Amino acid sequence: MNGSGQPVTIVDIDIPFGRLVGIFIKWGIAAIPATIALSVIMSIIFSLLWGLLGFGAWHGMTTRM
């Protein structure tokens, strides 16, 4: 291709309502494992940061007072 293509404008997309509902249900089901995976990854990252920065030691000092 030499890059001299014609510009295209999409005016209308005709999706039946039932198919659209099916797409949204699939997205919702796919979001569940993605949310679980992200929460596990973020909890590991924050636990490492919490331990490396020593916030656990600070918390232990305040509870003994």
C-alpha atoms as a PDB file:
ATOM      1  CA  MET A   1       0.000   0.000   0.000  1.00  0.00           C
ATOM      2  CA  ASN A   2       1.195   3.448  -0.823  1.00  0.00           C
ATOM      3  CA  GLY A   3      -0.922   5.272   1.777  1.00  0.00           C
ATOM      4  CA  SER A   4      -3.294   6.949  -0.707  1.00  0.00           C
ATOM      5  CA  GLY A   5      -6.447   5.243   0.576  1.00  0.00           C
ATOM      6  CA  GLN A   6      -9.785   6.992   0.771  1.00  0.00           C
ATOM      7  CA  PRO A   7     -11.012   8.200   4.164  1.00  0.00           C
ATOM      8  CA  VAL A   8     -13.959   6.235   5.573  1.00  0.00           C
ATOM      9  CA  THR A   9     -16.701   7.512   7.871  1.00  0.00           C
ATOM     10  CA  ILE A  10     -18.960   5.018   9.664  1.00  0.00           C
ATOM     11  CA  VAL A  11     -22.464   6.408   9.860  1.00  0.00           C
ATOM     12  CA  ASP A  12     -24.537   3.589  11.382  1.00  0.00           C
ATOM     13  CA  ILE A  13     -23.974   0.180  12.948  1.00  0.00           C
ATOM     14  CA  ASP A  14     -27.053  -2.018  13.019  1.00  0.00           C
ATOM     15  CA  ILE A  15     -26.785  -4.564  15.858  1.00  0.00           C
ATOM     16  CA  PRO A  16     -29.920  -6.396  16.982  1.00  0.00           C
ATOM     17  CA  PHE A  17     -30.830  -5.840  20.630  1.00  0.00           C
ATOM     18  CA  GLY A  18     -30.533  -9.518  21.561  1.00  0.00           C
ATOM     19  CA  ARG A  19     -27.017  -9.763  20.179  1.00  0.00           C
ATOM     20  CA  LEU A  20     -26.045  -6.552  22.005  1.00  0.00           C
ATOM     21  CA  VAL A  21     -27.345  -7.997  25.286  1.00  0.00           C
ATOM     22  CA  GLY A  22     -25.324 -11.147  24.616  1.00  0.00           C
ATOM     23  CA  ILE A  23     -22.179  -9.088  24.060  1.00  0.00           C
ATOM     24  CA  PHE A  24     -22.704  -7.221  27.334  1.00  0.00           C
ATOM     25  CA  ILE A  25     -23.263 -10.480  29.226  1.00  0.00           C
ATOM     26  CA  LYS A  26     -20.048 -11.947  27.789  1.00  0.00           C
ATOM     27  CA  TRP A  27     -18.144  -8.800  28.784  1.00  0.00           C
ATOM     28  CA  GLY A  28     -19.584  -8.988  32.295  1.00  0.00           C
ATOM     29  CA  ILE A  29     -18.610 -12.637  32.672  1.00  0.00           C
ATOM     30  CA  ALA A  30     -15.129 -11.911  31.291  1.00  0.00           C
ATOM     31  CA  ALA A  31     -14.710  -9.045  33.771  1.00  0.00           C
ATOM     32  CA  ILE A  32     -15.007 -11.353  36.808  1.00  0.00           C
ATOM     33  CA  PRO A  33     -11.721 -13.284  36.377  1.00  0.00           C
ATOM     34  CA  ALA A  34      -9.997 -10.115  35.195  1.00  0.00           C
ATOM     35  CA  THR A  35     -11.046  -8.328  38.390  1.00  0.00           C
ATOM     36  CA  ILE A  36      -9.895 -11.237  40.534  1.00  0.00           C
ATOM     37  CA  ALA A  37      -6.520 -11.373  38.771  1.00  0.00           C
ATOM     38  CA  LEU A  38      -6.000  -7.616  39.087  1.00  0.00           C
ATOM     39  CA  SER A  39      -6.932  -7.634  42.775  1.00  0.00           C
ATOM     40  CA  VAL A  40      -4.449 -10.444  43.483  1.00  0.00           C
ATOM     41  CA  ILE A  41      -1.692  -8.642  41.579  1.00  0.00           C
ATOM     42  CA  MET A  42      -2.401  -5.324  43.302  1.00  0.00           C
ATOM     43  CA  SER A  43      -2.538  -6.932  46.759  1.00  0.00           C
ATOM     44  CA  ILE A  44       0.859  -8.548  46.162  1.00  0.00           C
ATOM     45  CA  ILE A  45       2.347  -5.252  44.983  1.00  0.00           C
ATOM     46  CA  PHE A  46       0.930  -3.291  47.931  1.00  0.00           C
ATOM     47  CA  SER A  47       2.003  -5.984  50.402  1.00  0.00           C
ATOM     48  CA  LEU A  48       5.558  -5.825  49.072  1.00  0.00           C
ATOM     49  CA  LEU A  49       5.581  -2.031  49.228  1.00  0.00           C
ATOM     50  CA  TRP A  50       4.064  -2.081  52.719  1.00  0.00           C
ATOM     51  CA  GLY A  51       6.777  -4.458  53.914  1.00  0.00           C
ATOM     52  CA  LEU A  52       9.646  -2.728  52.118  1.00  0.00           C
ATOM     53  CA  LEU A  53       8.708   0.719  53.364  1.00  0.00           C
ATOM     54  CA  GLY A  54       8.303  -0.511  56.939  1.00  0.00           C
ATOM     55  CA  PHE A  55       4.722   0.529  57.540  1.00  0.00           C
ATOM     56  CA  GLY A  56       4.120  -2.746  59.392  1.00  0.00           C
ATOM     57  CA  ALA A  57       6.739  -1.797  61.982  1.00  0.00           C
ATOM     58  CA  TRP A  58       5.133   1.622  62.430  1.00  0.00           C
ATOM     59  CA  HIS A  59       1.739   0.064  62.911  1.00  0.00           C
ATOM     60  CA  GLY A  60       3.136  -2.315  65.530  1.00  0.00           C
ATOM     61  CA  MET A  61       4.629   0.604  67.469  1.00  0.00           C
ATOM     62  CA  THR A  62       1.331   2.480  67.620  1.00  0.00           C
ATOM     63  CA  THR A  63      -0.669  -0.518  68.840  1.00  0.00           C
ATOM     64  CA  ARG A  64       1.673  -1.116  71.824  1.00  0.00           C
ATOM     65  CA  MET A  65       1.147   2.341  73.269  1.00  0.00           C
END
